[in-house]
Amino acid sequence: MKGIKLAAGPILRLLLLTVLVLVVSGPQQLRAQDTVSTNDVEFTDIATPTDQLIANKKKADSIAKADSVKKAQADQSKTVIKPKEEPKTLWGIFIAGLIGGFTAVLMPCIYPLLPLTVSFFTKKSGSRSKGIFQSVIYGLSIIVIYVSLGLLISIIFGSSALNELASNGIFNIFFFLLLIIFGISFLGAFEITLPSSLGNKLDQNADKGGLAGIFFMAATLVVVSFSCTGPIIGTLLVDAAAKGDRLAPAIGMFGFSLALAIPFTVFALFPSALKSLPKSGGWLNSVKVVLGFLELAFALKFLSNVDLAYHWNLFDREIFLSLWIAIGLLLGLYLIGKIRFSHDSALPHLSIPRIFFAIIVFAFTIYMVPGLWGAPLKSISAFLPPEATQDFNLSPIPGGESTTATSAAPVTSIKTKKYAENYDRIKTRGLDAWYDYEQALQASKELHKPVFIDFTGFVCVNCRKMEADVWSDPRVFNKLKNDFVMLQLVVDDKAKLPAAEQYTSKYTGKKITQIGQKWSELQAFTFNSNSQPFYVILDSNGNQLVPPTGADYNVENYLKFLDSGIAAYKK
């Protein structure tokens, strides 16, 4: 989703380590519920939480400005350090593209072409300067082709559709199956190739010479190498599209193509450096196989997204971890030569770098094992299903309670929490949350506490990271538990609203039929934000007390935000 910050997480770090170690070692070893039919339902405009909040804001603006509110907001702006906005997301996608591009260079379809292509330009051009010029044009042509592909993806889907990809069941299942196919392909079961006639036609045009001929040479490389680069490109585009930014696919492809083009240009500038490259051999296929295992691991995240958003309740945290542990064990056994695939060369001995990389893989696998009993696994918590999906959890509650104790919820006149049956798999242990806006306001009036709104999502990676890294701090946990009425609004919940609660939005004209749509509209048209997590503090009448905040992994900053909300409520 938009707002997800890519900070080269464990999967990317593992991928980067794979590439670096195998390069070094090469020379030595040459979401389904029953739905209610709405055909006979007449949709009418009804009062919604969004309407009420906007009305409250207009009323507050028309009244003389209260000194206490002004002072509270002034204090908040001084004390709360707001997290930086989203530029890091596109930078993260660009870096992921670079890593993917440099990895693609090591594929069997591209690596052997490096010396051949550079030699072709240096010999055909007749002079070194002309050869360099043609190599640069060749590299630029590669960039143009891949960036055009990224722009095409953006044009086809559009920004609004990209925003919905992260939680759309059909797309997540499609991505899951796509990555499984890519992974199986990299393991050697088959090759994904484009029609040979396309490659032959491009190759014929490349013989024409001139700048057009160089461009068609680059296009030929793209088509011929697709069996190796296709899975990497597909994974990158899937990840970029899920971020929901219109430029994300193009930025990802720019990073990928730049990394792919750099070696051709650099070796054209310094042809003698080609002699230092490791010779082609079986190690190239090892790179593919390792990437195949990583593709299989990455695919499970998309299956988990669907399971959560559509309340299938099948893919628990321990099942997810068990599969990752199994993949890690197989990858480690492959690296030490205990497993071989059909395209692998014999491995007469292990290089020292390969042994060390195997140690890293086995260590990471062992690290995940305690997670089967509820260990938080903070370094990868953002990628795992919520901890609430864990059936057997021995980890302590941050507030100091035992794992078996259940504290009594604050007493209110509300007998049944609305929508609560949908959220057993996302709630935080020890925190008594509400899931309906109106009920939270009523509870706030009765308990005399401010409302803390957590706009979250089943598939929100940064939400899981905030819960694992910030909410787990005992000081934060106790404030959320004791000083606020916590309201968790899940914006990607695909569960149907009761027919009587469905309505037509006054802002978009669309029919609001799902719980997640209701809360997404509340966030977008009241607080001008559509990224998660997003935290808002209100008084008992629905008035905003302090400026909202997003993901901020600095515990001290987050405590200041909570304290400022409490202080503003008391005033």
Protein backbone atom coordinates (compact mmCIF):
# COMPACT_ATOMS: atom_id res chain seq x y z
CA MET A 1 0.00 0.00 0.00
CA LYS A 2 0.97 3.56 -0.37
CA GLY A 3 3.14 4.69 2.53
CA ILE A 4 4.98 1.48 2.85
CA LYS A 5 8.58 2.21 3.22
CA LEU A 6 10.97 -0.18 1.64
CA ALA A 7 14.08 -0.24 3.67
CA ALA A 8 15.87 -3.19 2.09
CA GLY A 9 14.13 -5.72 4.37
CA PRO A 10 15.33 -9.23 5.17
CA ILE A 11 14.35 -10.66 1.76
CA LEU A 12 16.29 -7.96 -0.11
CA ARG A 13 19.27 -8.30 2.25
CA LEU A 14 19.27 -12.03 1.69
CA LEU A 15 19.05 -11.47 -2.08
CA LEU A 16 21.98 -9.02 -2.00
CA LEU A 17 24.08 -11.42 0.06
CA THR A 18 23.30 -14.17 -2.45
CA VAL A 19 24.60 -12.13 -5.36
CA LEU A 20 27.75 -10.92 -3.59
CA VAL A 21 28.81 -14.30 -2.29
CA LEU A 22 28.15 -16.23 -5.46
CA VAL A 23 30.13 -13.68 -7.49
CA VAL A 24 33.06 -14.16 -5.12
CA SER A 25 32.81 -17.92 -5.13
CA GLY A 26 32.33 -18.23 -8.89
CA PRO A 27 35.98 -18.37 -9.98
CA GLN A 28 36.75 -21.11 -7.52
CA GLN A 29 34.17 -23.55 -8.78
CA LEU A 30 33.62 -22.62 -12.28
CA ARG A 31 -9.76 -13.34 1.11
CA ALA A 32 -14.56 -15.75 1.37
CA GLN A 33 -17.77 -14.85 3.32
CA ASP A 34 -21.49 -15.36 2.54
CA THR A 35 -22.53 -12.23 0.74
CA VAL A 36 -25.89 -10.53 1.03
CA SER A 37 -27.63 -9.86 -2.26
CA THR A 38 -28.29 -6.15 -2.69
CA ASN A 39 -30.29 -6.35 -5.90
CA ASP A 40 -33.49 -5.24 -4.13
CA VAL A 41 -31.79 -2.81 -1.77
CA GLU A 42 -32.39 0.87 -2.33
CA PHE A 43 -29.25 2.86 -1.52
CA THR A 44 -30.01 6.13 0.21
CA ASP A 45 -27.86 8.86 1.65
CA ILE A 46 -27.48 8.25 5.34
CA ALA A 47 -25.42 9.94 7.97
CA THR A 48 -21.92 8.48 8.15
CA PRO A 49 -19.01 8.98 10.53
CA THR A 50 -17.32 11.00 7.79
CA ASP A 51 -20.27 13.40 7.60
CA GLN A 52 -20.30 13.82 11.36
CA LEU A 53 -16.59 14.53 11.58
CA ILE A 54 -16.72 17.06 8.74
CA ALA A 55 -19.71 18.73 10.37
CA ASN A 56 -17.83 18.91 13.64
CA LYS A 57 -14.88 20.51 11.91
CA LYS A 58 -17.07 23.14 10.20
CA LYS A 59 -18.79 23.93 13.47
CA ALA A 60 -15.47 24.27 15.23
CA ASP A 61 -14.18 26.61 12.52
CA SER A 62 -17.23 28.88 12.85
CA ILE A 63 -16.85 29.25 16.62
CA ALA A 64 -14.31 31.61 18.15
CA LYS A 65 -10.94 29.94 18.31
CA ALA A 66 -10.42 28.42 21.71
CA ASP A 67 -7.14 29.30 23.35
CA SER A 68 -6.76 25.90 24.90
CA VAL A 69 -7.02 24.07 21.57
CA LYS A 70 -4.61 26.50 19.93
CA LYS A 71 -2.14 26.03 22.73
CA ALA A 72 -2.42 22.25 22.59
CA GLN A 73 -1.78 22.24 18.86
CA ALA A 74 1.12 24.63 19.26
CA ASP A 75 2.62 22.40 21.91
CA GLN A 76 2.15 19.37 19.66
CA SER A 77 3.91 21.00 16.72
CA LYS A 78 6.85 21.77 18.99
CA THR A 79 7.15 18.45 20.74
CA VAL A 80 6.14 15.85 18.16
CA ILE A 81 8.64 15.21 15.41
CA LYS A 82 6.58 14.17 12.43
CA PRO A 83 7.94 11.33 10.34
CA LYS A 84 9.17 12.17 6.89
CA GLU A 85 6.68 11.63 4.12
CA GLU A 86 6.81 9.11 1.34
CA PRO A 87 9.87 9.87 -0.88
CA LYS A 88 11.69 6.92 0.63
CA THR A 89 9.15 4.61 -0.93
CA LEU A 90 10.18 5.47 -4.49
CA TRP A 91 13.84 5.44 -3.47
CA GLY A 92 13.32 1.99 -2.02
CA ILE A 93 11.72 0.80 -5.26
CA PHE A 94 14.62 2.29 -7.24
CA ILE A 95 17.16 0.52 -5.02
CA ALA A 96 15.22 -2.74 -5.36
CA GLY A 97 15.37 -2.24 -9.13
CA LEU A 98 19.14 -1.71 -8.98
CA ILE A 99 19.61 -4.90 -6.97
CA GLY A 100 17.40 -6.80 -9.40
CA GLY A 101 19.33 -5.42 -12.38
CA PHE A 102 22.75 -6.31 -11.00
CA THR A 103 21.38 -9.76 -10.16
CA ALA A 104 20.11 -10.15 -13.73
CA VAL A 105 23.62 -9.45 -15.03
CA LEU A 106 24.72 -12.68 -13.32
CA MET A 107 22.05 -14.75 -15.09
CA PRO A 108 23.20 -17.37 -17.63
CA CYS A 109 21.28 -15.51 -20.37
CA ILE A 110 23.17 -12.23 -19.90
CA TYR A 111 26.54 -12.78 -18.23
CA PRO A 112 28.15 -14.67 -21.17
CA LEU A 113 26.99 -11.88 -23.52
CA LEU A 114 29.05 -9.20 -21.76
CA PRO A 115 32.41 -9.93 -23.46
CA LEU A 116 30.73 -10.76 -26.78
CA THR A 117 28.75 -7.52 -26.92
CA VAL A 118 31.65 -5.31 -25.82
CA SER A 119 33.98 -6.99 -28.33
CA PHE A 120 31.39 -6.51 -31.07
CA PHE A 121 31.23 -2.76 -30.50
CA THR A 122 34.99 -2.25 -30.17
CA LYS A 123 35.75 -4.22 -33.34
CA LYS A 124 32.87 -3.03 -35.53
CA SER A 125 33.29 0.63 -34.68
CA GLY A 126 36.89 0.80 -35.87
CA SER A 127 37.92 3.20 -33.11
CA ARG A 128 37.74 3.15 -29.35
CA SER A 129 35.83 6.44 -29.11
CA LYS A 130 33.19 5.26 -31.56
CA GLY A 131 32.92 1.92 -29.77
CA ILE A 132 32.34 3.72 -26.47
CA PHE A 133 29.70 5.94 -28.08
CA GLN A 134 27.85 2.94 -29.49
CA SER A 135 28.03 1.11 -26.15
CA VAL A 136 26.52 4.14 -24.40
CA ILE A 137 23.69 4.23 -26.96
CA TYR A 138 23.22 0.50 -26.40
CA GLY A 139 22.91 1.05 -22.65
CA LEU A 140 20.52 3.99 -23.09
CA SER A 141 18.38 1.87 -25.41
CA ILE A 142 18.08 -0.80 -22.70
CA ILE A 143 16.95 1.87 -20.22
CA VAL A 144 14.39 3.32 -22.66
CA ILE A 145 12.88 -0.13 -23.33
CA TYR A 146 12.46 -1.09 -19.67
CA VAL A 147 11.27 2.34 -18.50
CA SER A 148 8.69 2.29 -21.31
CA LEU A 149 7.49 -1.05 -19.95
CA GLY A 150 7.10 0.49 -16.49
CA LEU A 151 5.19 3.49 -17.87
CA LEU A 152 2.94 1.14 -19.83
CA ILE A 153 2.02 -0.68 -16.61
CA SER A 154 1.15 2.66 -14.99
CA ILE A 155 -0.98 3.77 -17.95
CA ILE A 156 -2.88 0.48 -18.12
CA PHE A 157 -3.73 0.35 -14.41
CA GLY A 158 -3.70 4.00 -13.35
CA SER A 159 -2.87 5.30 -9.88
CA SER A 160 -6.25 4.50 -8.31
CA ALA A 161 -6.10 0.89 -9.47
CA LEU A 162 -2.50 0.56 -8.24
CA ASN A 163 -3.66 1.70 -4.80
CA GLU A 164 -6.11 -1.19 -4.64
CA LEU A 165 -3.71 -3.92 -5.78
CA ALA A 166 -2.23 -4.56 -2.35
CA SER A 167 -5.50 -5.88 -0.92
CA ASN A 168 -7.41 -6.99 -4.02
CA GLY A 169 -8.02 -10.71 -3.78
CA ILE A 170 -7.85 -11.48 -7.51
CA PHE A 171 -4.58 -9.60 -7.99
CA ASN A 172 -2.98 -11.09 -4.88
CA ILE A 173 -3.86 -14.63 -5.97
CA PHE A 174 -2.56 -13.80 -9.46
CA PHE A 175 0.71 -12.46 -7.99
CA PHE A 176 1.03 -15.52 -5.76
CA LEU A 177 0.63 -17.93 -8.69
CA LEU A 178 2.90 -15.78 -10.88
CA LEU A 179 5.75 -15.85 -8.38
CA ILE A 180 5.30 -19.59 -7.81
CA ILE A 181 5.66 -20.12 -11.57
CA PHE A 182 8.72 -17.85 -11.65
CA GLY A 183 10.27 -19.75 -8.75
CA ILE A 184 9.69 -23.14 -10.37
CA SER A 185 11.17 -21.77 -13.59
CA PHE A 186 14.34 -20.64 -11.81
CA LEU A 187 14.65 -24.04 -10.16
CA GLY A 188 14.98 -25.50 -13.65
CA ALA A 189 11.61 -27.12 -14.37
CA PHE A 190 11.09 -25.04 -17.53
CA GLU A 191 12.03 -21.73 -19.13
CA ILE A 192 9.72 -18.78 -19.70
CA THR A 193 10.53 -17.40 -23.14
CA LEU A 194 8.99 -14.99 -25.60
CA PRO A 195 8.20 -16.18 -29.16
CA SER A 196 11.39 -16.94 -31.08
CA SER A 197 9.95 -15.21 -34.16
CA LEU A 198 10.01 -11.91 -32.24
CA GLY A 199 13.67 -12.34 -31.38
CA ASN A 200 14.55 -13.27 -34.97
CA LYS A 201 12.78 -10.22 -36.37
CA LEU A 202 14.52 -7.89 -33.94
CA ASP A 203 17.85 -9.54 -34.74
CA GLN A 204 17.31 -8.88 -38.47
CA ASN A 205 16.62 -5.20 -37.80
CA ALA A 206 19.76 -5.03 -35.67
CA ASP A 207 21.83 -5.83 -38.77
CA LYS A 208 20.79 -2.57 -40.43
CA GLY A 209 23.43 -0.60 -38.55
CA GLY A 210 23.30 2.97 -37.29
CA LEU A 211 21.50 4.10 -34.14
CA ALA A 212 18.36 2.20 -35.09
CA GLY A 213 20.38 -0.99 -35.41
CA ILE A 214 21.88 -0.48 -31.95
CA PHE A 215 18.40 0.04 -30.49
CA PHE A 216 17.19 -3.22 -32.05
CA MET A 217 20.28 -4.97 -30.66
CA ALA A 218 19.21 -3.84 -27.20
CA ALA A 219 15.64 -4.99 -27.89
CA THR A 220 17.01 -8.37 -28.99
CA LEU A 221 18.88 -8.70 -25.71
CA VAL A 222 15.68 -7.90 -23.77
CA VAL A 223 13.71 -10.58 -25.65
CA VAL A 224 16.39 -13.27 -25.70
CA SER A 225 17.21 -12.85 -22.00
CA PHE A 226 13.57 -12.87 -20.91
CA SER A 227 13.77 -16.44 -19.59
CA CYS A 228 16.23 -15.15 -16.97
CA THR A 229 15.11 -11.57 -16.46
CA GLY A 230 11.33 -12.17 -16.72
CA PRO A 231 10.89 -13.51 -13.17
CA ILE A 232 13.01 -10.70 -11.72
CA ILE A 233 11.11 -8.06 -13.71
CA GLY A 234 7.78 -9.64 -12.78
CA THR A 235 8.63 -9.67 -9.07
CA LEU A 236 9.84 -6.07 -9.22
CA LEU A 237 6.71 -4.86 -11.04
CA VAL A 238 4.47 -6.75 -8.60
CA ASP A 239 6.20 -5.11 -5.64
CA ALA A 240 6.18 -1.66 -7.28
CA ALA A 241 2.52 -1.88 -8.31
CA ALA A 242 1.52 -2.90 -4.79
CA LYS A 243 3.01 0.36 -3.47
CA GLY A 244 0.19 2.20 -5.23
CA ASP A 245 2.29 5.05 -6.65
CA ARG A 246 1.79 5.94 -10.32
CA LEU A 247 5.53 6.34 -10.90
CA ALA A 248 6.56 3.21 -8.98
CA PRO A 249 6.70 0.74 -11.93
CA ALA A 250 8.67 3.20 -14.08
CA ILE A 251 11.08 3.99 -11.22
CA GLY A 252 11.60 0.29 -10.58
CA MET A 253 12.30 -0.38 -14.24
CA PHE A 254 14.68 2.58 -14.39
CA GLY A 255 16.73 1.14 -11.53
CA PHE A 256 16.68 -2.33 -13.12
CA SER A 257 17.70 -1.15 -16.60
CA LEU A 258 20.36 1.22 -15.24
CA ALA A 259 22.05 -1.64 -13.40
CA LEU A 260 21.74 -3.82 -16.51
CA ALA A 261 23.22 -1.15 -18.79
CA ILE A 262 26.13 -0.06 -16.58
CA PRO A 263 28.32 -3.19 -17.11
CA PHE A 264 28.13 -2.93 -20.90
CA THR A 265 29.17 0.72 -20.82
CA VAL A 266 31.88 0.30 -18.17
CA PHE A 267 33.52 -2.66 -19.92
CA ALA A 268 33.40 -0.74 -23.20
CA LEU A 269 35.36 2.03 -21.47
CA PHE A 270 37.82 -0.46 -19.94
CA PRO A 271 37.90 -3.59 -22.16
CA SER A 272 40.90 -5.02 -20.30
CA ALA A 273 38.73 -5.38 -17.19
CA LEU A 274 36.88 -8.21 -18.94
CA LYS A 275 39.84 -10.46 -18.17
CA SER A 276 39.15 -10.16 -14.45
CA LEU A 277 35.61 -11.49 -14.77
CA PRO A 278 34.97 -15.06 -13.56
CA LYS A 279 34.50 -17.53 -16.38
CA SER A 280 31.00 -18.73 -17.15
CA GLY A 281 30.13 -22.01 -15.52
CA GLY A 282 27.82 -23.89 -13.21
CA TRP A 283 27.87 -21.08 -10.66
CA LEU A 284 25.58 -19.04 -12.94
CA ASN A 285 22.86 -21.65 -12.58
CA SER A 286 23.37 -21.58 -8.81
CA VAL A 287 22.38 -17.91 -8.85
CA LYS A 288 19.14 -18.83 -10.63
CA VAL A 289 18.31 -21.60 -8.17
CA VAL A 290 18.89 -19.37 -5.14
CA LEU A 291 16.61 -16.75 -6.67
CA GLY A 292 14.05 -19.48 -7.30
CA PHE A 293 13.90 -20.29 -3.59
CA LEU A 294 13.54 -16.58 -2.77
CA GLU A 295 10.69 -16.23 -5.29
CA LEU A 296 8.82 -19.06 -3.55
CA ALA A 297 9.30 -17.40 -0.15
CA PHE A 298 8.16 -14.00 -1.45
CA ALA A 299 5.04 -15.52 -3.03
CA LEU A 300 3.70 -16.60 0.37
CA LYS A 301 3.23 -12.96 1.42
CA PHE A 302 0.57 -12.45 -1.28
CA LEU A 303 -1.28 -15.60 -0.24
CA SER A 304 -1.28 -14.32 3.34
CA ASN A 305 -2.73 -10.97 2.16
CA VAL A 306 -5.75 -12.69 0.64
CA ASP A 307 -6.25 -14.97 3.63
CA LEU A 308 -6.41 -11.97 5.99
CA ALA A 309 -8.46 -9.53 3.89
CA TYR A 310 -11.13 -12.10 3.01
CA HIS A 311 -11.22 -13.82 6.42
CA TRP A 312 -10.34 -17.28 5.14
CA ASN A 313 -8.55 -17.95 8.45
CA LEU A 314 -6.38 -20.67 6.92
CA PHE A 315 -2.88 -19.22 6.67
CA ASP A 316 -1.73 -18.65 10.26
CA ARG A 317 1.58 -17.19 11.36
CA GLU A 318 3.06 -20.55 12.33
CA ILE A 319 2.12 -22.05 8.94
CA PHE A 320 3.79 -19.13 7.19
CA LEU A 321 6.92 -19.53 9.34
CA SER A 322 6.98 -23.30 8.84
CA LEU A 323 7.05 -22.83 5.08
CA TRP A 324 9.80 -20.21 5.30
CA ILE A 325 11.82 -22.49 7.58
CA ALA A 326 11.42 -25.37 5.11
CA ILE A 327 12.52 -23.16 2.20
CA GLY A 328 15.51 -21.95 4.25
CA LEU A 329 16.58 -25.52 5.05
CA LEU A 330 16.35 -26.58 1.40
CA LEU A 331 18.32 -23.51 0.31
CA GLY A 332 21.02 -24.25 2.88
CA LEU A 333 21.25 -27.89 1.81
CA TYR A 334 21.53 -26.77 -1.81
CA LEU A 335 24.38 -24.41 -1.00
CA ILE A 336 26.41 -27.17 0.68
CA GLY A 337 25.79 -29.51 -2.24
CA LYS A 338 23.37 -31.93 -0.61
CA ILE A 339 20.65 -31.09 -3.18
CA ARG A 340 21.21 -30.87 -6.95
CA PHE A 341 18.86 -29.95 -9.77
CA SER A 342 18.86 -31.15 -13.37
CA HIS A 343 20.83 -28.18 -14.74
CA ASP A 344 23.42 -28.09 -11.95
CA SER A 345 27.05 -28.97 -12.49
CA ALA A 346 28.85 -31.34 -10.18
CA LEU A 347 30.13 -29.69 -6.99
CA PRO A 348 33.41 -31.49 -6.17
CA HIS A 349 34.22 -29.17 -3.26
CA LEU A 350 32.82 -26.18 -1.33
CA SER A 351 34.45 -22.80 -1.52
CA ILE A 352 34.98 -20.89 1.70
CA PRO A 353 32.60 -18.05 0.69
CA ARG A 354 29.89 -20.59 -0.16
CA ILE A 355 30.27 -22.20 3.26
CA PHE A 356 29.92 -18.83 4.99
CA PHE A 357 26.83 -18.01 2.98
CA ALA A 358 25.34 -21.39 3.91
CA ILE A 359 26.02 -20.54 7.56
CA ILE A 360 24.07 -17.28 7.12
CA VAL A 361 21.11 -19.12 5.57
CA PHE A 362 21.06 -21.81 8.28
CA ALA A 363 21.42 -19.17 11.03
CA PHE A 364 18.49 -17.17 9.64
CA THR A 365 16.43 -20.35 9.44
CA ILE A 366 17.20 -21.25 13.06
CA TYR A 367 16.34 -17.66 14.07
CA MET A 368 12.80 -18.19 12.76
CA VAL A 369 12.16 -21.39 14.74
CA PRO A 370 11.23 -19.70 18.08
CA GLY A 371 8.57 -17.78 16.16
CA LEU A 372 6.57 -21.02 16.06
CA TRP A 373 5.96 -20.49 19.79
CA GLY A 374 5.24 -16.76 19.53
CA ALA A 375 8.68 -15.11 19.55
CA PRO A 376 8.21 -11.62 18.04
CA LEU A 377 10.98 -11.95 15.38
CA LYS A 378 11.11 -8.16 15.06
CA SER A 379 13.51 -8.13 12.12
CA ILE A 380 10.93 -9.85 9.87
CA SER A 381 7.69 -9.07 11.73
CA ALA A 382 6.55 -6.68 8.98
CA PHE A 383 6.37 -9.55 6.49
CA LEU A 384 4.67 -12.10 8.73
CA PRO A 385 0.93 -12.48 9.38
CA PRO A 386 -0.19 -10.62 12.53
CA GLU A 387 0.80 -12.17 15.83
CA ALA A 388 -2.90 -12.63 16.66
CA THR A 389 -3.05 -15.44 14.08
CA GLN A 390 -0.66 -17.44 16.26
CA ASP A 391 -2.54 -20.38 17.79
CA PHE A 392 0.09 -21.11 20.44
CA ASN A 393 1.86 -18.06 21.89
CA LEU A 394 4.26 -18.16 24.83
CA SER A 395 5.62 -14.62 24.43
CA PRO A 396 4.88 -12.18 27.28
CA ILE A 397 2.46 -9.27 26.95
CA PRO A 398 4.41 -5.95 26.90
CA GLY A 399 2.38 -4.52 29.80
CA GLY A 400 3.74 -7.17 32.14
CA GLU A 401 0.73 -9.52 32.30
CA SER A 402 1.11 -13.25 31.98
CA THR A 403 0.25 -14.87 28.70
CA THR A 404 -2.77 -16.54 30.21
CA ALA A 405 -4.21 -13.66 32.17
CA THR A 406 -6.94 -11.60 30.61
CA SER A 407 -7.55 -8.20 32.13
CA ALA A 408 -11.14 -7.08 32.48
CA ALA A 409 -12.23 -4.63 29.81
CA PRO A 410 -13.45 -1.20 30.99
CA VAL A 411 -17.19 -1.34 31.73
CA THR A 412 -19.54 0.55 29.39
CA SER A 413 -23.22 0.33 28.55
CA ILE A 414 -22.35 -1.25 25.18
CA LYS A 415 -23.06 -4.97 25.34
CA THR A 416 -21.70 -6.11 21.97
CA LYS A 417 -18.78 -4.68 20.02
CA LYS A 418 -19.71 -4.10 16.41
CA TYR A 419 -17.66 -5.94 13.76
CA ALA A 420 -15.46 -7.49 16.50
CA GLU A 421 -15.90 -10.99 15.07
CA ASN A 422 -13.82 -9.96 12.03
CA TYR A 423 -10.72 -8.91 13.91
CA ASP A 424 -9.58 -11.74 16.15
CA ARG A 425 -6.68 -12.25 13.72
CA ILE A 426 -5.38 -8.67 13.82
CA LYS A 427 -5.95 -7.40 17.35
CA THR A 428 -3.00 -6.80 19.65
CA ARG A 429 -2.89 -9.02 22.73
CA GLY A 430 -3.67 -7.13 25.92
CA LEU A 431 -5.28 -4.14 24.18
CA ASP A 432 -9.06 -3.78 24.30
CA ALA A 433 -9.94 -2.20 20.95
CA TRP A 434 -13.19 -1.03 19.37
CA TYR A 435 -13.94 -1.40 15.67
CA ASP A 436 -16.83 1.00 15.09
CA TYR A 437 -16.55 4.78 15.13
CA GLU A 438 -19.90 5.53 16.81
CA GLN A 439 -19.38 2.97 19.56
CA ALA A 440 -15.89 4.34 20.27
CA LEU A 441 -17.27 7.85 20.74
CA GLN A 442 -19.91 6.54 23.12
CA ALA A 443 -17.28 4.59 25.08
CA SER A 444 -15.14 7.74 25.22
CA LYS A 445 -18.00 9.72 26.80
CA GLU A 446 -18.66 7.03 29.38
CA LEU A 447 -15.02 6.31 30.24
CA HIS A 448 -13.85 9.96 29.99
CA LYS A 449 -10.89 9.11 27.78
CA PRO A 450 -9.80 10.42 24.36
CA VAL A 451 -10.30 8.26 21.28
CA PHE A 452 -7.15 6.90 19.63
CA ILE A 453 -7.88 5.93 16.01
CA ASP A 454 -5.57 3.45 14.37
CA PHE A 455 -6.22 3.42 10.63
CA THR A 456 -4.64 0.10 9.76
CA GLY A 457 -4.88 -2.74 7.24
CA PHE A 458 -4.60 -6.49 7.05
CA VAL A 459 -1.87 -6.22 4.40
CA CYS A 460 -0.15 -3.13 5.83
CA VAL A 461 3.55 -3.96 6.29
CA ASN A 462 4.39 -0.77 8.19
CA CYS A 463 1.41 -1.37 10.53
CA ARG A 464 2.88 -4.70 11.60
CA LYS A 465 6.29 -3.08 12.06
CA MET A 466 4.82 -0.32 14.26
CA GLU A 467 2.99 -2.89 16.38
CA ALA A 468 6.13 -5.01 16.77
CA ASP A 469 8.72 -2.25 17.26
CA VAL A 470 6.81 0.64 18.91
CA TRP A 471 3.62 -0.68 20.51
CA SER A 472 5.63 -3.44 22.16
CA ASP A 473 7.44 -0.83 24.26
CA PRO A 474 5.87 -1.12 27.77
CA ARG A 475 5.42 2.67 28.08
CA VAL A 476 3.58 2.96 24.77
CA PHE A 477 1.59 -0.21 25.42
CA ASN A 478 0.39 0.95 28.84
CA LYS A 479 -0.67 4.39 27.54
CA LEU A 480 -2.67 2.82 24.72
CA LYS A 481 -4.26 0.39 27.15
CA ASN A 482 -5.03 2.69 30.08
CA ASP A 483 -5.33 6.26 28.75
CA PHE A 484 -7.26 5.91 25.48
CA VAL A 485 -10.31 4.36 23.95
CA MET A 486 -8.59 2.50 21.13
CA LEU A 487 -10.43 2.40 17.81
CA GLN A 488 -8.94 0.20 15.08
CA LEU A 489 -10.37 0.85 11.62
CA VAL A 490 -9.22 -1.69 9.00
CA VAL A 491 -9.42 0.03 5.61
CA ASP A 492 -8.87 -3.10 3.49
CA ASP A 493 -11.48 -5.32 5.16
CA LYS A 494 -13.47 -7.02 2.39
CA ALA A 495 -16.31 -8.14 4.70
CA LYS A 496 -19.74 -6.91 3.59
CA LEU A 497 -21.59 -4.23 5.51
CA PRO A 498 -25.11 -5.20 6.59
CA ALA A 499 -27.58 -4.21 3.87
CA ALA A 500 -29.10 -1.52 6.10
CA GLU A 501 -25.69 0.14 6.55
CA GLN A 502 -24.71 0.26 2.88
CA TYR A 503 -24.91 3.70 1.33
CA THR A 504 -23.83 5.85 -1.62
CA SER A 505 -20.87 8.08 -0.92
CA LYS A 506 -21.53 11.81 -1.15
CA TYR A 507 -17.91 12.34 -2.12
CA THR A 508 -17.24 9.72 -4.79
CA GLY A 509 -20.74 8.62 -5.82
CA LYS A 510 -19.71 4.99 -5.30
CA LYS A 511 -21.72 2.46 -3.36
CA ILE A 512 -20.07 1.67 -0.04
CA THR A 513 -20.73 -2.03 0.51
CA GLN A 514 -17.66 -3.18 2.46
CA ILE A 515 -16.46 -2.36 5.97
CA GLY A 516 -13.04 -1.37 4.68
CA GLN A 517 -14.53 1.06 2.15
CA LYS A 518 -16.43 2.81 4.93
CA TRP A 519 -13.30 3.46 6.99
CA SER A 520 -11.16 4.27 3.96
CA GLU A 521 -13.61 7.03 3.03
CA LEU A 522 -13.58 8.31 6.61
CA GLN A 523 -9.79 8.61 6.52
CA ALA A 524 -9.52 10.10 3.03
CA PHE A 525 -12.23 12.77 3.19
CA THR A 526 -11.85 13.75 6.84
CA PHE A 527 -8.10 13.61 7.39
CA ASN A 528 -6.85 13.93 3.78
CA SER A 529 -4.76 10.79 3.96
CA ASN A 530 -4.96 7.33 2.45
CA SER A 531 -1.75 5.76 3.79
CA GLN A 532 -1.50 3.36 6.69
CA PRO A 533 -0.71 3.32 9.52
CA PHE A 534 -2.32 6.65 10.39
CA TYR A 535 -3.01 7.70 13.97
CA VAL A 536 -5.58 10.30 15.07
CA ILE A 537 -6.60 11.45 18.57
CA LEU A 538 -10.15 12.80 19.06
CA ASP A 539 -12.24 14.01 21.96
CA SER A 540 -15.56 12.44 22.90
CA ASN A 541 -17.43 14.59 20.34
CA GLY A 542 -15.21 13.59 17.44
CA ASN A 543 -13.09 16.76 17.38
CA GLN A 544 -9.45 16.34 16.47
CA LEU A 545 -7.20 17.25 19.40
CA VAL A 546 -3.69 17.23 17.90
CA PRO A 547 -2.17 16.82 14.42
CA PRO A 548 -2.26 13.17 13.28
CA THR A 549 0.88 11.17 12.66
CA GLY A 550 1.89 8.22 10.50
CA ALA A 551 4.52 5.53 10.97
CA ASP A 552 7.23 6.78 13.34
CA TYR A 553 9.56 4.11 14.66
CA ASN A 554 11.11 6.44 17.24
CA VAL A 555 9.49 5.40 20.53
CA GLU A 556 10.22 8.74 22.22
CA ASN A 557 8.53 10.68 19.42
CA TYR A 558 5.50 8.41 19.60
CA LEU A 559 5.26 8.87 23.37
CA LYS A 560 5.27 12.65 22.88
CA PHE A 561 2.43 12.30 20.38
CA LEU A 562 0.37 10.26 22.84
CA ASP A 563 1.15 12.59 25.76
CA SER A 564 0.16 15.66 23.75
CA GLY A 565 -3.20 14.05 22.94
CA ILE A 566 -3.84 13.25 26.60
CA ALA A 567 -2.89 16.80 27.63
CA ALA A 568 -5.16 18.36 24.99
CA TYR A 569 -8.08 16.16 26.09
CA LYS A 570 -7.69 17.15 29.74
CA LYS A 571 -7.73 20.84 28.81
